[in-house]
């Protein structure tokens, strides 16, 4: 059996639910700022993640299922953007894109949270030819535009 495993890092994009128990930070920030509500940041905001837009994930999936490279088979790959962004940087980006004056409320760090996360996407680049198509700025603009028109 030929298998390829894909490990996704902090995927975001249109249609994410900002209201569930496991809601991601990006739709929460966008939803809060669109409503003029104060979002929470747990810790001092220096916690960082490797956020990747959904189109990058779809592209990696297509590359994985269509690869003809025999070295690429039976491997596990990180699917991410390959860059780390702090929650403070992320909030500033969302705030800037929405021209908002809202500031976050800082709360106690959550137990068990990983402080920093950054994916090494070198293997996916080398064996699958993966290169992220959409950067954080462009992905955020596309995501925010969707939320502006869908009252989530």
N, C-alpha and C. Protein backbone atom coordinates (compact mmCIF):
# COMPACT_ATOMS: atom_id res chain seq x y z
N UNK A 1 0.85 -1.18 0.00
CA UNK A 1 0.00 0.00 0.00
C UNK A 1 0.89 1.24 0.00
N UNK A 2 0.59 2.17 -0.87
CA UNK A 2 1.33 3.43 -0.91
C UNK A 2 0.54 4.49 -0.16
N UNK A 3 1.22 5.14 0.78
CA UNK A 3 0.56 6.11 1.66
C UNK A 3 1.39 7.39 1.72
N UNK A 4 0.68 8.52 1.83
CA UNK A 4 1.32 9.80 2.13
C UNK A 4 0.52 10.43 3.26
N UNK A 5 1.22 10.85 4.31
CA UNK A 5 0.57 11.53 5.43
C UNK A 5 0.82 13.02 5.37
N UNK A 6 -0.21 13.78 5.65
CA UNK A 6 -0.08 15.24 5.67
C UNK A 6 -0.45 15.76 7.05
N UNK A 7 0.43 16.54 7.62
CA UNK A 7 0.23 17.12 8.96
C UNK A 7 -0.02 18.61 8.78
N UNK A 8 -1.27 19.05 9.02
CA UNK A 8 -1.67 20.44 8.79
C UNK A 8 -1.38 21.31 10.01
N UNK A 9 -0.89 22.51 9.76
CA UNK A 9 -0.60 23.47 10.81
C UNK A 9 -1.55 24.66 10.70
N UNK A 10 -2.35 24.90 11.70
CA UNK A 10 -3.16 26.12 11.87
C UNK A 10 -3.77 26.65 10.58
N UNK A 11 -4.64 25.85 10.01
CA UNK A 11 -5.31 26.20 8.76
C UNK A 11 -6.41 27.22 9.03
N UNK A 12 -6.50 28.22 8.17
CA UNK A 12 -7.55 29.23 8.30
C UNK A 12 -8.10 29.58 6.92
N UNK A 13 -9.24 30.22 6.93
CA UNK A 13 -9.85 30.68 5.69
C UNK A 13 -11.33 30.91 5.88
N UNK A 14 -12.01 31.25 4.79
CA UNK A 14 -13.45 31.48 4.85
C UNK A 14 -14.20 30.26 5.40
N UNK A 15 -15.34 30.52 5.99
CA UNK A 15 -16.29 29.52 6.48
C UNK A 15 -15.91 28.84 7.80
N UNK A 16 -14.82 29.23 8.44
CA UNK A 16 -14.52 28.66 9.75
C UNK A 16 -15.51 29.20 10.77
N UNK A 17 -15.94 28.32 11.66
CA UNK A 17 -16.91 28.70 12.69
C UNK A 17 -16.18 29.37 13.86
N UNK A 18 -16.49 30.63 14.16
CA UNK A 18 -15.84 31.30 15.28
C UNK A 18 -16.50 31.04 16.63
N UNK A 19 -17.52 30.18 16.67
CA UNK A 19 -18.31 30.05 17.89
C UNK A 19 -18.15 28.73 18.65
N UNK A 20 -17.51 27.75 18.12
CA UNK A 20 -17.41 26.46 18.78
C UNK A 20 -16.38 26.44 19.90
N UNK A 21 -16.37 25.35 20.66
CA UNK A 21 -15.44 25.20 21.77
C UNK A 21 -13.99 25.16 21.28
N UNK A 22 -13.79 24.71 20.05
CA UNK A 22 -12.43 24.61 19.51
C UNK A 22 -12.22 25.59 18.35
N UNK A 23 -12.91 26.70 18.41
CA UNK A 23 -12.79 27.69 17.34
C UNK A 23 -11.35 28.21 17.25
N UNK A 24 -10.90 28.42 16.02
CA UNK A 24 -9.56 28.94 15.78
C UNK A 24 -9.51 30.43 16.05
N UNK A 25 -8.33 30.93 16.33
CA UNK A 25 -8.15 32.32 16.74
C UNK A 25 -8.50 33.31 15.63
N UNK A 26 -8.21 33.00 14.39
CA UNK A 26 -8.45 33.96 13.31
C UNK A 26 -9.93 34.27 13.14
N UNK A 27 -10.81 33.27 13.02
CA UNK A 27 -12.22 33.64 12.90
C UNK A 27 -12.77 34.32 14.15
N UNK A 28 -12.22 34.00 15.30
CA UNK A 28 -12.66 34.67 16.53
C UNK A 28 -12.28 36.15 16.48
N UNK A 29 -11.02 36.43 16.13
CA UNK A 29 -10.58 37.83 16.03
C UNK A 29 -11.44 38.59 15.03
N UNK A 30 -11.63 38.02 13.85
CA UNK A 30 -12.40 38.70 12.80
C UNK A 30 -13.83 38.94 13.26
N UNK A 31 -14.47 37.92 13.78
CA UNK A 31 -15.86 38.03 14.22
C UNK A 31 -15.99 39.10 15.31
N UNK A 32 -15.09 39.06 16.30
CA UNK A 32 -15.14 40.06 17.38
C UNK A 32 -14.99 41.48 16.84
N UNK A 33 -14.01 41.69 15.99
CA UNK A 33 -13.77 43.05 15.51
C UNK A 33 -14.89 43.54 14.60
N UNK A 34 -15.47 42.66 13.81
CA UNK A 34 -16.60 43.07 12.97
C UNK A 34 -17.78 43.51 13.82
N UNK A 35 -17.92 42.90 15.01
CA UNK A 35 -19.02 43.25 15.91
C UNK A 35 -18.63 44.36 16.90
N UNK A 36 -17.37 44.81 16.85
CA UNK A 36 -16.91 45.83 17.79
C UNK A 36 -16.68 45.27 19.18
N UNK A 37 -16.55 43.96 19.30
CA UNK A 37 -16.34 43.31 20.60
C UNK A 37 -14.84 43.13 20.87
N UNK A 38 -14.50 43.04 22.14
CA UNK A 38 -13.11 42.87 22.56
C UNK A 38 -12.73 41.39 22.55
N UNK A 39 -11.73 41.02 21.73
CA UNK A 39 -11.28 39.63 21.75
C UNK A 39 -10.28 39.40 22.87
N UNK A 40 -10.12 38.15 23.25
CA UNK A 40 -9.16 37.78 24.28
C UNK A 40 -7.90 37.21 23.66
N UNK A 41 -6.77 37.57 24.25
CA UNK A 41 -5.50 36.94 23.93
C UNK A 41 -5.00 36.33 25.22
N UNK A 42 -4.74 35.04 25.18
CA UNK A 42 -4.26 34.34 26.37
C UNK A 42 -2.75 34.44 26.44
N UNK A 43 -2.25 34.94 27.57
CA UNK A 43 -0.82 35.20 27.72
C UNK A 43 -0.51 36.62 27.27
N UNK A 44 0.77 36.86 26.96
CA UNK A 44 1.20 38.21 26.60
C UNK A 44 1.14 38.49 25.10
N UNK A 45 0.65 37.52 24.33
CA UNK A 45 0.52 37.72 22.88
C UNK A 45 1.74 37.32 22.08
N UNK A 46 2.78 36.86 22.75
CA UNK A 46 3.99 36.46 22.03
C UNK A 46 3.93 34.99 21.59
N UNK A 47 2.90 34.28 22.03
CA UNK A 47 2.70 32.91 21.55
C UNK A 47 2.59 32.97 20.04
N UNK A 48 3.25 32.05 19.35
CA UNK A 48 3.25 32.13 17.88
C UNK A 48 2.84 30.80 17.25
N UNK A 49 2.32 30.91 16.04
CA UNK A 49 1.87 29.75 15.27
C UNK A 49 2.25 29.95 13.81
N UNK A 50 2.26 28.84 13.09
CA UNK A 50 2.49 28.85 11.65
C UNK A 50 1.11 28.74 11.00
N UNK A 51 0.54 29.88 10.61
CA UNK A 51 -0.80 29.93 10.04
C UNK A 51 -0.71 29.73 8.53
N UNK A 52 -1.56 28.86 8.00
CA UNK A 52 -1.56 28.64 6.55
C UNK A 52 -2.98 28.72 5.99
N UNK A 53 -3.11 29.41 4.89
CA UNK A 53 -4.40 29.60 4.24
C UNK A 53 -4.87 28.28 3.61
N UNK A 54 -6.16 28.07 3.59
CA UNK A 54 -6.76 26.83 3.11
C UNK A 54 -6.32 26.46 1.69
N UNK A 55 -6.11 27.44 0.83
CA UNK A 55 -5.67 27.14 -0.54
C UNK A 55 -4.32 26.44 -0.56
N UNK A 56 -3.44 26.79 0.39
CA UNK A 56 -2.15 26.10 0.49
C UNK A 56 -2.34 24.63 0.83
N UNK A 57 -3.29 24.35 1.70
CA UNK A 57 -3.59 22.98 2.10
C UNK A 57 -4.16 22.18 0.92
N UNK A 58 -5.07 22.78 0.20
CA UNK A 58 -5.65 22.11 -0.96
C UNK A 58 -4.55 21.80 -1.97
N UNK A 59 -3.68 22.76 -2.21
CA UNK A 59 -2.57 22.57 -3.15
C UNK A 59 -1.67 21.41 -2.71
N UNK A 60 -1.32 21.36 -1.42
CA UNK A 60 -0.49 20.27 -0.91
C UNK A 60 -1.17 18.92 -1.09
N UNK A 61 -2.48 18.87 -0.88
CA UNK A 61 -3.24 17.64 -1.08
C UNK A 61 -3.18 17.19 -2.54
N UNK A 62 -3.34 18.12 -3.45
CA UNK A 62 -3.29 17.80 -4.88
C UNK A 62 -1.90 17.27 -5.23
N UNK A 63 -0.87 17.93 -4.76
CA UNK A 63 0.49 17.47 -5.03
C UNK A 63 0.72 16.07 -4.47
N UNK A 64 0.21 15.81 -3.27
CA UNK A 64 0.40 14.50 -2.64
C UNK A 64 -0.31 13.39 -3.41
N UNK A 65 -1.55 13.61 -3.81
CA UNK A 65 -2.26 12.51 -4.48
C UNK A 65 -1.86 12.36 -5.95
N UNK A 66 -1.19 13.34 -6.50
CA UNK A 66 -0.82 13.23 -7.92
C UNK A 66 0.68 13.06 -8.15
N UNK A 67 1.45 12.92 -7.08
CA UNK A 67 2.89 12.81 -7.25
C UNK A 67 3.28 11.55 -8.03
N UNK A 68 4.28 11.70 -8.87
CA UNK A 68 4.85 10.56 -9.58
C UNK A 68 6.27 10.28 -9.09
N UNK A 69 6.68 11.01 -8.06
CA UNK A 69 8.01 10.84 -7.48
C UNK A 69 7.99 9.64 -6.53
N UNK A 70 8.66 8.56 -6.84
CA UNK A 70 8.64 7.38 -5.97
C UNK A 70 9.23 7.65 -4.59
N UNK A 71 10.12 8.63 -4.46
CA UNK A 71 10.69 8.98 -3.16
C UNK A 71 9.68 9.68 -2.25
N UNK A 72 8.61 10.21 -2.85
CA UNK A 72 7.60 10.95 -2.08
C UNK A 72 6.61 10.03 -1.38
N UNK A 73 6.53 8.78 -1.82
CA UNK A 73 5.56 7.82 -1.29
C UNK A 73 6.02 7.31 0.08
N UNK A 74 5.03 7.00 0.93
CA UNK A 74 5.27 6.48 2.29
C UNK A 74 6.07 7.46 3.14
N UNK A 75 5.71 8.72 3.02
CA UNK A 75 6.32 9.79 3.79
C UNK A 75 5.22 10.59 4.50
N UNK A 76 5.63 11.34 5.50
CA UNK A 76 4.72 12.26 6.19
C UNK A 76 5.27 13.67 6.00
N UNK A 77 4.39 14.61 5.66
CA UNK A 77 4.80 15.97 5.36
C UNK A 77 4.08 16.98 6.24
N UNK A 78 4.80 18.04 6.59
CA UNK A 78 4.18 19.19 7.24
C UNK A 78 3.58 20.08 6.16
N UNK A 79 2.33 20.47 6.34
CA UNK A 79 1.67 21.38 5.41
C UNK A 79 1.40 22.67 6.19
N UNK A 80 2.12 23.72 5.81
CA UNK A 80 2.05 24.99 6.52
C UNK A 80 2.58 26.08 5.60
N UNK A 81 2.69 27.27 6.15
CA UNK A 81 3.27 28.36 5.38
C UNK A 81 4.78 28.38 5.53
N UNK A 82 5.27 27.97 6.70
CA UNK A 82 6.71 27.95 6.94
C UNK A 82 7.23 29.22 7.58
N UNK A 83 6.33 29.95 8.25
CA UNK A 83 6.69 31.19 8.92
C UNK A 83 5.85 31.30 10.19
N UNK A 84 6.43 31.84 11.23
CA UNK A 84 5.73 31.94 12.51
C UNK A 84 5.23 33.37 12.74
N UNK A 85 4.01 33.48 13.27
CA UNK A 85 3.39 34.77 13.54
C UNK A 85 2.86 34.77 14.97
N UNK A 86 3.20 35.80 15.73
CA UNK A 86 2.70 35.89 17.11
C UNK A 86 1.24 36.30 17.10
N UNK A 87 0.55 36.03 18.21
CA UNK A 87 -0.84 36.46 18.33
C UNK A 87 -0.96 37.98 18.28
N UNK A 88 0.03 38.68 18.84
CA UNK A 88 0.02 40.14 18.75
C UNK A 88 0.12 40.61 17.29
N UNK A 89 1.02 39.99 16.52
CA UNK A 89 1.16 40.34 15.10
C UNK A 89 -0.12 40.01 14.34
N UNK A 90 -0.68 38.85 14.64
CA UNK A 90 -1.91 38.42 13.98
C UNK A 90 -3.05 39.40 14.28
N UNK A 91 -3.21 39.76 15.54
CA UNK A 91 -4.26 40.70 15.91
C UNK A 91 -4.07 42.03 15.20
N UNK A 92 -2.83 42.52 15.16
CA UNK A 92 -2.55 43.79 14.49
C UNK A 92 -2.91 43.72 13.00
N UNK A 93 -2.67 42.59 12.38
CA UNK A 93 -3.01 42.41 10.96
C UNK A 93 -4.51 42.43 10.74
N UNK A 94 -5.25 41.72 11.57
CA UNK A 94 -6.72 41.71 11.46
C UNK A 94 -7.26 43.11 11.73
N UNK A 95 -6.78 43.74 12.78
CA UNK A 95 -7.23 45.08 13.15
C UNK A 95 -6.98 46.09 12.03
N UNK A 96 -5.81 46.01 11.43
CA UNK A 96 -5.46 46.91 10.33
C UNK A 96 -6.36 46.69 9.12
N UNK A 97 -6.61 45.42 8.77
CA UNK A 97 -7.46 45.10 7.62
C UNK A 97 -8.90 45.54 7.82
N UNK A 98 -9.34 45.61 9.07
CA UNK A 98 -10.72 46.01 9.37
C UNK A 98 -10.82 47.47 9.81
N UNK A 99 -9.69 48.17 9.83
CA UNK A 99 -9.67 49.57 10.28
C UNK A 99 -10.39 49.71 11.62
N UNK A 100 -10.07 48.82 12.53
CA UNK A 100 -10.74 48.78 13.83
C UNK A 100 -9.93 49.52 14.89
N UNK A 101 -10.62 50.03 15.88
CA UNK A 101 -9.99 50.69 17.03
C UNK A 101 -10.01 49.79 18.27
N UNK A 102 -10.60 48.61 18.15
CA UNK A 102 -10.73 47.69 19.29
C UNK A 102 -9.36 47.16 19.68
N UNK A 103 -9.14 47.03 20.97
CA UNK A 103 -7.91 46.43 21.50
C UNK A 103 -8.26 45.12 22.18
N UNK A 104 -7.30 44.20 22.22
CA UNK A 104 -7.59 42.91 22.86
C UNK A 104 -7.52 43.01 24.38
N UNK A 105 -8.13 42.04 25.03
CA UNK A 105 -8.01 41.89 26.48
C UNK A 105 -7.06 40.71 26.71
N UNK A 106 -6.01 40.97 27.46
CA UNK A 106 -5.04 39.91 27.76
C UNK A 106 -5.48 39.16 29.00
N UNK A 107 -5.49 37.83 28.89
CA UNK A 107 -5.90 36.96 29.99
C UNK A 107 -4.77 36.01 30.34
N UNK A 108 -4.94 35.31 31.43
CA UNK A 108 -3.90 34.35 31.86
C UNK A 108 -3.65 33.32 30.77
N UNK A 109 -2.40 32.94 30.66
CA UNK A 109 -2.02 31.90 29.70
C UNK A 109 -2.79 30.63 29.99
N UNK A 110 -3.17 29.90 28.95
CA UNK A 110 -3.89 28.65 29.14
C UNK A 110 -2.89 27.52 29.39
N UNK A 111 -3.20 26.69 30.36
CA UNK A 111 -2.34 25.56 30.68
C UNK A 111 -2.24 24.63 29.48
N UNK A 112 -1.03 24.19 29.18
CA UNK A 112 -0.82 23.22 28.13
C UNK A 112 -0.63 23.81 26.75
N UNK A 113 -0.81 25.14 26.60
CA UNK A 113 -0.60 25.75 25.28
C UNK A 113 0.88 25.67 24.90
N UNK A 114 1.14 25.34 23.67
CA UNK A 114 2.50 25.36 23.16
C UNK A 114 2.86 26.82 22.90
N UNK A 115 4.03 27.23 23.34
CA UNK A 115 4.42 28.64 23.23
C UNK A 115 4.67 29.06 21.77
N UNK A 116 5.44 28.27 21.05
CA UNK A 116 5.77 28.62 19.67
C UNK A 116 5.69 27.40 18.78
N UNK A 117 5.14 27.59 17.60
CA UNK A 117 5.01 26.50 16.64
C UNK A 117 5.41 27.01 15.26
N UNK A 118 6.34 26.29 14.63
CA UNK A 118 6.80 26.63 13.30
C UNK A 118 7.09 25.33 12.57
N UNK A 119 6.44 25.14 11.43
CA UNK A 119 6.60 23.91 10.66
C UNK A 119 7.82 23.99 9.74
N UNK A 120 8.51 22.89 9.64
CA UNK A 120 9.56 22.74 8.65
C UNK A 120 8.91 22.12 7.42
N UNK A 121 8.80 22.91 6.35
CA UNK A 121 8.14 22.42 5.14
C UNK A 121 9.15 22.02 4.06
N UNK A 122 10.41 21.91 4.43
CA UNK A 122 11.47 21.58 3.48
C UNK A 122 11.26 20.25 2.77
N UNK A 123 10.82 19.25 3.49
CA UNK A 123 10.59 17.93 2.90
C UNK A 123 9.48 17.98 1.85
N UNK A 124 8.39 18.71 2.16
CA UNK A 124 7.29 18.85 1.20
C UNK A 124 7.75 19.62 -0.04
N UNK A 125 8.59 20.61 0.17
CA UNK A 125 9.13 21.36 -0.97
C UNK A 125 9.98 20.45 -1.85
N UNK A 126 10.87 19.71 -1.22
CA UNK A 126 11.83 18.88 -1.94
C UNK A 126 11.18 17.70 -2.66
N UNK A 127 10.32 16.96 -1.97
CA UNK A 127 9.79 15.72 -2.55
C UNK A 127 8.45 15.89 -3.28
N UNK A 128 7.66 16.88 -2.88
CA UNK A 128 6.35 17.08 -3.54
C UNK A 128 6.34 18.30 -4.46
N UNK A 129 7.32 19.18 -4.31
CA UNK A 129 7.31 20.42 -5.08
C UNK A 129 6.38 21.46 -4.48
N UNK A 130 6.06 21.30 -3.19
CA UNK A 130 5.14 22.21 -2.51
C UNK A 130 5.79 23.57 -2.29
N UNK A 131 5.05 24.59 -2.57
CA UNK A 131 5.43 25.97 -2.30
C UNK A 131 4.13 26.68 -1.94
N UNK A 132 4.01 27.26 -0.75
CA UNK A 132 2.76 27.94 -0.40
C UNK A 132 2.38 28.98 -1.46
N UNK A 133 1.11 28.99 -1.82
CA UNK A 133 0.62 29.88 -2.87
C UNK A 133 0.14 31.22 -2.31
N UNK A 134 -0.37 31.20 -1.07
CA UNK A 134 -1.01 32.39 -0.49
C UNK A 134 -0.32 32.72 0.84
N UNK A 135 0.19 33.95 0.96
CA UNK A 135 0.84 34.34 2.21
C UNK A 135 -0.20 34.82 3.23
N UNK A 136 0.25 35.10 4.43
CA UNK A 136 -0.65 35.48 5.52
C UNK A 136 -1.44 36.75 5.19
N UNK A 137 -0.78 37.74 4.62
CA UNK A 137 -1.48 39.00 4.31
C UNK A 137 -2.61 38.79 3.31
N UNK A 138 -2.31 38.11 2.23
CA UNK A 138 -3.33 37.88 1.20
C UNK A 138 -4.43 36.97 1.72
N UNK A 139 -4.05 35.91 2.43
CA UNK A 139 -5.04 34.99 3.00
C UNK A 139 -5.96 35.70 3.98
N UNK A 140 -5.40 36.61 4.75
CA UNK A 140 -6.22 37.35 5.72
C UNK A 140 -7.21 38.24 5.00
N UNK A 141 -6.78 38.90 3.93
CA UNK A 141 -7.69 39.76 3.17
C UNK A 141 -8.85 38.95 2.59
N UNK A 142 -8.53 37.79 2.02
CA UNK A 142 -9.57 36.93 1.44
C UNK A 142 -10.54 36.42 2.51
N UNK A 143 -9.99 36.06 3.65
CA UNK A 143 -10.81 35.55 4.75
C UNK A 143 -11.72 36.64 5.30
N UNK A 144 -11.17 37.80 5.54
CA UNK A 144 -11.95 38.92 6.09
C UNK A 144 -13.06 39.31 5.12
N UNK A 145 -12.78 39.34 3.84
CA UNK A 145 -13.82 39.68 2.86
C UNK A 145 -15.00 38.72 2.96
N UNK A 146 -14.72 37.44 3.13
CA UNK A 146 -15.80 36.46 3.25
C UNK A 146 -16.63 36.75 4.51
N UNK A 147 -15.96 36.99 5.64
CA UNK A 147 -16.69 37.24 6.89
C UNK A 147 -17.50 38.52 6.83
N UNK A 148 -17.02 39.53 6.14
CA UNK A 148 -17.76 40.78 6.01
C UNK A 148 -19.12 40.57 5.35
N UNK A 149 -19.21 39.59 4.49
CA UNK A 149 -20.44 39.37 3.72
C UNK A 149 -21.29 38.22 4.23
N UNK A 150 -20.90 37.61 5.35
CA UNK A 150 -21.65 36.44 5.83
C UNK A 150 -22.11 36.52 7.28
N UNK A 151 -21.96 37.65 7.94
CA UNK A 151 -22.50 37.86 9.31
C UNK A 151 -22.32 36.66 10.23
N UNK A 152 -21.11 36.17 10.34
CA UNK A 152 -20.86 35.00 11.20
C UNK A 152 -20.53 35.46 12.59
